[in-house]
């Protein structure tokens, strides 16, 4: 099992990635959400200069905010600085688009985007459609080494649902998601990815199709409760982000919340809906994966923590990780709150990673 960190992108705190490298983390995923954090590619450029071994990439880049040739150029530029250890995570923009009041990219458009992106990162000439017009495009002047597509840049497609996971199997070298610590979710995700691969006559090898899950780790002290102030500070921001996702999904498609959220849903919705509809998209994602709003702390229930995070003693967490690994997961990616991130990755490296 590999262990990575997801970075709440902050341009003047790039030393956090260097610290993770020194602790033995294998990957640094730099988040892309333009209205709340620093630009991910600027952070990656600095990280490339300050690290030597850790793999660096987007976690994940957003297809809806950058056309495919721009994304390809951006990540190939980072690959020029960190050849052989650069990767691209790419998604439709569940946060980045919704925080501007717009919907994520539709999956049909995303598939076309991935096809263009994959070809460009393989150094090919591809057909690119923009505003209804299709033209051939390719990187020019490659001999001048402005960027690097000679060293492979794996594409890890973000997929939370079956159709997006199928696109990962069709166009990606791997899948990045956020699943509960339950092997059943991992098996289903791999089956969905295989279905996508089958569309182009490809058979996925679970050994080579790289899978990553975003989560957080709650290492309990002896006798400590999941309601403790320390636990809330460390994982509350990530846990509440799952409510952001579900609220937006229901807002767009309708339906009911999952069972473990029903007892808090009416109260949580009432809190969000104090904000007028015209500005509600700004309220939903306030603090997203960065800090916990005081008025939202009551919604971080033990049940919600257990459904989103690795939880327990170091030995219990190790057992959860091993079960996920047996089901086909290759990497655990953790995202602590901004306030506690150094302590969390240090504790996790010492108490969990060192024992695996």
Protein backbone atom coordinates (compact mmCIF):
# COMPACT_ATOMS: atom_id res chain seq x y z
CA UNK A 1 0.00 0.00 0.00
CA UNK A 2 1.18 3.49 -0.89
CA UNK A 3 0.34 6.52 1.24
CA UNK A 4 -0.21 10.00 -0.13
CA UNK A 5 -1.38 13.38 1.02
CA UNK A 6 -3.97 15.66 -0.55
CA UNK A 7 -2.93 19.28 -0.23
CA UNK A 8 -5.24 22.17 0.47
CA UNK A 9 -3.23 24.24 -2.00
CA UNK A 10 -1.48 27.10 -0.22
CA UNK A 11 1.35 28.69 -2.16
CA UNK A 12 3.37 29.83 0.87
CA UNK A 13 3.16 26.47 2.64
CA UNK A 14 4.73 24.26 -0.01
CA UNK A 15 7.18 22.99 2.62
CA UNK A 16 4.37 20.71 3.78
CA UNK A 17 4.98 18.58 0.69
CA UNK A 18 8.71 18.37 1.46
CA UNK A 19 7.85 17.29 5.01
CA UNK A 20 5.60 14.54 3.65
CA UNK A 21 8.41 13.35 1.40
CA UNK A 22 10.76 13.13 4.38
CA UNK A 23 8.16 11.11 6.29
CA UNK A 24 7.91 8.53 3.51
CA UNK A 25 4.72 9.50 1.74
CA UNK A 26 4.73 8.41 -1.90
CA UNK A 27 2.40 10.97 -3.52
CA UNK A 28 1.36 14.59 -3.09
CA UNK A 29 -1.99 15.44 -4.68
CA UNK A 30 -2.38 19.22 -5.06
CA UNK A 31 -6.05 20.22 -5.07
CA UNK A 32 -7.47 22.49 -7.78
CA UNK A 33 -10.28 24.82 -6.73
CA UNK A 34 -9.70 28.34 -7.98
CA UNK A 35 -12.13 30.26 -5.76
CA UNK A 36 -10.84 28.95 -2.43
CA UNK A 37 -7.19 27.88 -2.76
CA UNK A 38 -3.95 28.84 -4.51
CA UNK A 39 -3.43 27.77 -8.11
CA UNK A 40 -2.45 24.11 -8.16
CA UNK A 41 0.13 24.36 -10.95
CA UNK A 42 1.98 27.20 -9.24
CA UNK A 43 2.15 25.07 -6.08
CA UNK A 44 3.34 22.06 -8.11
CA UNK A 45 6.12 24.09 -9.74
CA UNK A 46 7.46 25.07 -6.32
CA UNK A 47 7.05 21.53 -5.00
CA UNK A 48 9.01 20.16 -7.96
CA UNK A 49 11.94 22.39 -6.98
CA UNK A 50 11.81 21.51 -3.27
CA UNK A 51 11.42 17.71 -3.52
CA UNK A 52 13.35 14.85 -5.08
CA UNK A 53 11.45 11.56 -4.79
CA UNK A 54 7.78 12.10 -3.94
CA UNK A 55 5.41 11.87 -6.91
CA UNK A 56 3.55 15.14 -7.48
CA UNK A 57 0.40 15.94 -9.40
CA UNK A 58 -3.07 17.38 -9.34
CA UNK A 59 -5.62 16.09 -6.89
CA UNK A 60 -7.58 16.66 -9.02
CA UNK A 61 -7.41 19.14 -11.89
CA UNK A 62 -10.80 20.36 -13.11
CA UNK A 63 -11.82 19.77 -16.70
CA UNK A 64 -14.53 22.44 -16.59
CA UNK A 65 -12.17 25.33 -15.83
CA UNK A 66 -9.36 24.61 -18.31
CA UNK A 67 -9.63 23.33 -21.87
CA UNK A 68 -7.80 20.04 -22.51
CA UNK A 69 -4.76 21.50 -24.35
CA UNK A 70 -4.19 23.94 -21.47
CA UNK A 71 -4.32 21.16 -18.88
CA UNK A 72 -1.99 19.02 -20.99
CA UNK A 73 0.49 21.90 -21.33
CA UNK A 74 0.33 22.71 -17.62
CA UNK A 75 1.06 19.20 -16.38
CA UNK A 76 3.68 18.60 -19.11
CA UNK A 77 5.44 21.76 -17.89
CA UNK A 78 5.55 20.32 -14.36
CA UNK A 79 6.87 17.09 -15.88
CA UNK A 80 9.78 19.11 -17.30
CA UNK A 81 10.67 20.05 -13.71
CA UNK A 82 9.98 16.61 -12.19
CA UNK A 83 10.31 14.08 -15.03
CA UNK A 84 9.10 10.61 -14.22
CA UNK A 85 7.37 11.58 -10.98
CA UNK A 86 4.56 13.77 -12.31
CA UNK A 87 0.96 12.54 -12.59
CA UNK A 88 -2.36 14.09 -13.53
CA UNK A 89 -5.53 13.60 -11.53
CA UNK A 90 -8.52 14.92 -13.48
CA UNK A 91 -12.20 15.32 -12.66
CA UNK A 92 -15.40 17.08 -13.70
CA UNK A 93 -15.33 19.69 -10.91
CA UNK A 94 -17.78 18.76 -8.16
CA UNK A 95 -16.35 21.51 -5.94
CA UNK A 96 -14.59 23.90 -8.31
CA UNK A 97 -17.59 24.33 -10.59
CA UNK A 98 -20.31 24.25 -7.94
CA UNK A 99 -18.54 26.85 -5.81
CA UNK A 100 -19.12 29.25 -8.74
CA UNK A 101 -22.77 28.24 -8.94
CA UNK A 102 -22.35 26.02 -12.01
CA UNK A 103 -22.68 22.29 -12.59
CA UNK A 104 -19.72 19.95 -13.18
CA UNK A 105 -18.85 18.96 -16.73
CA UNK A 106 -21.25 16.44 -18.24
CA UNK A 107 -19.80 12.97 -18.65
CA UNK A 108 -20.13 12.98 -22.44
CA UNK A 109 -18.06 16.16 -22.59
CA UNK A 110 -15.65 14.73 -20.02
CA UNK A 111 -15.08 11.65 -22.18
CA UNK A 112 -14.18 13.83 -25.16
CA UNK A 113 -11.90 15.90 -22.94
CA UNK A 114 -10.10 12.79 -21.69
CA UNK A 115 -9.60 11.49 -25.22
CA UNK A 116 -7.95 14.78 -26.29
CA UNK A 117 -5.90 14.99 -23.11
CA UNK A 118 -4.63 11.43 -23.37
CA UNK A 119 -3.52 11.88 -26.98
CA UNK A 120 -1.64 15.12 -26.27
CA UNK A 121 0.17 13.63 -23.27
CA UNK A 122 1.23 10.75 -25.50
CA UNK A 123 2.79 13.27 -27.91
CA UNK A 124 0.15 12.72 -30.60
CA UNK A 125 -1.76 14.99 -32.93
CA UNK A 126 -5.43 14.97 -31.95
CA UNK A 127 -8.74 16.44 -33.01
CA UNK A 128 -9.81 19.25 -30.67
CA UNK A 129 -13.32 20.65 -30.67
CA UNK A 130 -13.87 24.18 -29.36
CA UNK A 131 -17.07 26.19 -29.74
CA UNK A 132 -18.40 23.84 -32.37
CA UNK A 133 -15.27 23.81 -34.56
CA UNK A 134 -12.89 20.84 -34.74
CA UNK A 135 -9.23 21.28 -35.64
CA UNK A 136 -6.05 19.19 -35.37
CA UNK A 137 -3.72 20.19 -32.53
CA UNK A 138 -0.34 18.99 -31.25
CA UNK A 139 2.54 20.35 -29.21
CA UNK A 140 4.92 22.27 -31.46
CA UNK A 141 8.65 22.98 -31.00
CA UNK A 142 9.11 19.97 -28.74
CA UNK A 143 12.82 19.96 -29.50
CA UNK A 144 13.10 23.18 -27.46
CA UNK A 145 12.04 21.31 -24.28
CA UNK A 146 9.41 23.78 -23.12
CA UNK A 147 7.59 20.80 -21.68
CA UNK A 148 8.01 17.04 -21.36
CA UNK A 149 5.74 14.39 -22.83
CA UNK A 150 8.57 11.92 -23.33
CA UNK A 151 8.46 10.74 -19.72
CA UNK A 152 5.01 9.18 -19.20
CA UNK A 153 2.43 11.16 -17.22
CA UNK A 154 -0.20 8.77 -15.85
CA UNK A 155 -3.78 10.02 -15.92
CA UNK A 156 -5.85 9.18 -12.85
CA UNK A 157 -9.52 9.86 -13.49
CA UNK A 158 -11.71 10.97 -10.59
CA UNK A 159 -14.85 8.87 -10.39
CA UNK A 160 -17.44 8.75 -7.62
CA UNK A 161 -20.19 7.09 -9.66
CA UNK A 162 -20.29 4.08 -12.02
CA UNK A 163 -20.18 6.07 -15.27
CA UNK A 164 -17.19 8.21 -14.26
CA UNK A 165 -15.40 5.10 -12.96
CA UNK A 166 -16.01 3.49 -16.35
CA UNK A 167 -14.28 6.45 -18.02
CA UNK A 168 -11.27 5.82 -15.79
CA UNK A 169 -11.06 2.30 -17.18
CA UNK A 170 -11.44 3.56 -20.73
CA UNK A 171 -9.04 6.52 -20.72
CA UNK A 172 -6.97 6.42 -17.55
CA UNK A 173 -4.07 4.60 -15.99
CA UNK A 174 -5.93 4.65 -12.70
CA UNK A 175 -8.93 5.75 -10.66
CA UNK A 176 -9.10 8.24 -7.80
CA UNK A 177 -12.18 8.32 -5.57
CA UNK A 178 -13.35 8.72 -2.00
CA UNK A 179 -14.90 5.58 -0.59
CA UNK A 180 -15.78 4.40 2.93
CA UNK A 181 -13.36 1.91 4.54
CA UNK A 182 -15.45 -0.94 3.13
CA UNK A 183 -13.93 -3.38 0.59
CA UNK A 184 -17.31 -3.77 -1.10
CA UNK A 185 -17.04 -0.25 -2.52
CA UNK A 186 -13.61 -1.08 -3.91
CA UNK A 187 -14.82 -4.21 -5.69
CA UNK A 188 -17.69 -2.29 -7.29
CA UNK A 189 -15.41 0.54 -8.42
CA UNK A 190 -13.05 -1.91 -10.13
CA UNK A 191 -15.96 -3.66 -11.84
CA UNK A 192 -17.20 -0.31 -13.14
CA UNK A 193 -13.73 0.57 -14.44
CA UNK A 194 -13.45 -2.80 -16.15
CA UNK A 195 -16.78 -2.14 -17.89
CA UNK A 196 -15.31 1.04 -19.34
CA UNK A 197 -12.14 -0.70 -20.44
CA UNK A 198 -14.22 -3.38 -22.16
CA UNK A 199 -15.76 -0.73 -24.41
CA UNK A 200 -12.41 -0.40 -26.17
CA UNK A 201 -11.51 -4.08 -25.94
CA UNK A 202 -9.14 -3.60 -23.02
CA UNK A 203 -8.84 -5.89 -20.02
CA UNK A 204 -7.77 -4.17 -16.82
CA UNK A 205 -5.01 -5.73 -14.81
CA UNK A 206 -5.80 -4.86 -11.16
CA UNK A 207 -2.07 -4.92 -10.45
CA UNK A 208 -1.37 -2.12 -12.95
CA UNK A 209 -4.58 -0.09 -12.83
CA UNK A 210 -3.67 2.28 -10.02
CA UNK A 211 -6.43 3.06 -7.52
CA UNK A 212 -6.45 5.76 -4.83
CA UNK A 213 -9.01 6.73 -2.21
CA UNK A 214 -9.20 10.11 -0.49
CA UNK A 215 -9.92 9.90 3.24
CA UNK A 216 -8.70 11.02 6.62
CA UNK A 217 -7.26 9.02 9.50
CA UNK A 218 -8.57 9.33 13.04
CA UNK A 219 -6.08 7.61 15.35
CA UNK A 220 -7.80 7.44 18.73
CA UNK A 221 -5.94 7.84 21.99
CA UNK A 222 -6.75 5.31 24.77
CA UNK A 223 -10.25 6.05 26.06
CA UNK A 224 -10.80 8.88 23.58
CA UNK A 225 -14.26 9.51 22.10
CA UNK A 226 -15.06 10.43 18.52
CA UNK A 227 -16.71 13.52 19.99
CA UNK A 228 -13.42 14.84 21.36
CA UNK A 229 -12.29 18.33 20.43
CA UNK A 230 -9.05 16.98 18.95
CA UNK A 231 -10.91 14.61 16.62
CA UNK A 232 -13.20 17.41 15.44
CA UNK A 233 -10.22 19.68 14.67
CA UNK A 234 -8.41 16.99 12.71
CA UNK A 235 -11.18 15.45 10.61
CA UNK A 236 -14.20 17.75 10.87
CA UNK A 237 -13.46 19.74 7.72
CA UNK A 238 -13.18 16.60 5.59
CA UNK A 239 -16.23 14.95 7.13
CA UNK A 240 -18.43 18.01 6.53
CA UNK A 241 -17.21 18.15 2.90
CA UNK A 242 -19.14 14.91 2.36
CA UNK A 243 -22.30 16.81 3.34
CA UNK A 244 -21.40 19.52 0.81
CA UNK A 245 -21.21 16.86 -1.89
CA UNK A 246 -24.50 15.18 -0.99
CA UNK A 247 -26.35 18.49 -0.63
CA UNK A 248 -25.21 19.61 -4.09
CA UNK A 249 -26.09 16.24 -5.61
CA UNK A 250 -29.62 16.34 -4.20
CA UNK A 251 -29.94 19.99 -5.17
CA UNK A 252 -29.17 19.07 -8.80
CA UNK A 253 -30.80 15.66 -9.20
CA UNK A 254 -33.33 15.43 -6.35
CA UNK A 255 -33.80 12.36 -4.18
CA UNK A 256 -33.18 11.58 -0.53
CA UNK A 257 -29.97 11.61 1.53
CA UNK A 258 -28.35 8.26 2.41
CA UNK A 259 -29.55 6.58 5.57
CA UNK A 260 -26.68 7.66 7.80
CA UNK A 261 -27.48 11.34 7.09
CA UNK A 262 -31.26 11.35 7.46
CA UNK A 263 -31.32 12.17 11.16
CA UNK A 264 -29.34 15.40 10.59
CA UNK A 265 -30.45 16.29 7.09
CA UNK A 266 -33.38 18.55 7.88
CA UNK A 267 -31.39 20.62 10.37
CA UNK A 268 -28.32 20.84 8.11
CA UNK A 269 -30.43 21.87 5.11
CA UNK A 270 -32.18 24.54 7.19
CA UNK A 271 -28.81 25.98 8.20
CA UNK A 272 -27.56 26.16 4.60
CA UNK A 273 -30.86 27.54 3.34
CA UNK A 274 -30.68 30.58 5.59
CA UNK A 275 -28.54 31.93 2.75
CA UNK A 276 -30.58 33.25 -0.21
CA UNK A 277 -30.60 30.98 -3.30
CA UNK A 278 -28.59 33.53 -5.32
CA UNK A 279 -25.62 33.17 -2.94
CA UNK A 280 -26.18 29.69 -1.55
CA UNK A 281 -23.43 28.14 -3.67
CA UNK A 282 -20.97 30.35 -1.77
CA UNK A 283 -22.27 29.19 1.62
CA UNK A 284 -22.32 25.45 0.89
CA UNK A 285 -18.56 25.12 0.44
CA UNK A 286 -17.34 27.60 3.04
CA UNK A 287 -14.41 25.97 4.88
CA UNK A 288 -14.32 23.10 2.37
CA UNK A 289 -11.72 20.53 3.54
CA UNK A 290 -9.83 23.39 5.20
CA UNK A 291 -11.49 24.20 8.52
CA UNK A 292 -14.70 23.38 10.37
CA UNK A 293 -17.30 26.11 10.72
CA UNK A 294 -18.40 26.32 14.40
CA UNK A 295 -22.08 26.08 13.48
CA UNK A 296 -21.45 22.86 11.53
CA UNK A 297 -19.52 21.03 14.26
CA UNK A 298 -22.70 19.41 15.63
CA UNK A 299 -23.15 17.57 12.33
CA UNK A 300 -19.79 15.75 12.65
CA UNK A 301 -21.34 12.69 14.25
CA UNK A 302 -19.46 9.48 15.13
CA UNK A 303 -21.49 7.70 12.46
CA UNK A 304 -20.50 10.21 9.80
CA UNK A 305 -16.85 10.05 10.84
CA UNK A 306 -16.84 6.25 10.56
CA UNK A 307 -18.48 6.36 7.13
CA UNK A 308 -15.85 8.73 5.69
CA UNK A 309 -12.58 8.13 7.60
CA UNK A 310 -10.24 5.41 8.78
CA UNK A 311 -11.00 5.27 12.49
CA UNK A 312 -9.62 3.45 15.53
CA UNK A 313 -6.41 2.41 17.20
CA UNK A 314 -3.34 2.09 14.97
CA UNK A 315 -3.91 -1.68 14.84
CA UNK A 316 -7.55 -1.27 13.85
CA UNK A 317 -6.67 1.21 11.12
CA UNK A 318 -3.96 -1.10 9.80
CA UNK A 319 -6.53 -3.90 9.55
CA UNK A 320 -8.91 -1.62 7.62
CA UNK A 321 -6.08 -0.71 5.24
CA UNK A 322 -5.13 -4.33 4.66
CA UNK A 323 -8.72 -5.24 3.81
CA UNK A 324 -8.90 -2.40 1.29
CA UNK A 325 -5.57 -3.46 -0.20
CA UNK A 326 -6.81 -7.02 -0.62
CA UNK A 327 -9.83 -5.61 -2.47
CA UNK A 328 -7.55 -3.83 -4.97
CA UNK A 329 -6.78 -0.40 -3.48
CA UNK A 330 -3.21 0.79 -4.11
CA UNK A 331 -3.08 4.09 -2.22
CA UNK A 332 -4.62 5.82 0.78
CA UNK A 333 -4.58 9.60 0.36
CA UNK A 334 -5.26 11.62 3.53
CA UNK A 335 -6.40 15.23 3.86
CA UNK A 336 -6.26 16.67 7.39
CA UNK A 337 -7.52 20.14 8.23
CA UNK A 338 -5.12 22.97 7.41
CA UNK A 339 -4.55 23.71 11.11
CA UNK A 340 -3.55 20.14 12.04
CA UNK A 341 -2.00 18.82 8.81
CA UNK A 342 1.62 18.57 9.98
CA UNK A 343 0.77 16.77 13.20
CA UNK A 344 -1.64 14.38 11.48
CA UNK A 345 0.75 13.23 8.77
CA UNK A 346 3.53 12.84 11.33
CA UNK A 347 1.34 10.75 13.67
CA UNK A 348 0.05 8.63 10.80
CA UNK A 349 3.56 7.98 9.49
CA UNK A 350 4.82 6.99 12.94
CA UNK A 351 1.85 5.01 14.23
CA UNK A 352 0.50 3.40 11.05
CA UNK A 353 2.85 3.58 8.05
CA UNK A 354 5.87 2.44 10.06
CA UNK A 355 4.03 -0.72 11.08
CA UNK A 356 2.91 -1.77 7.60
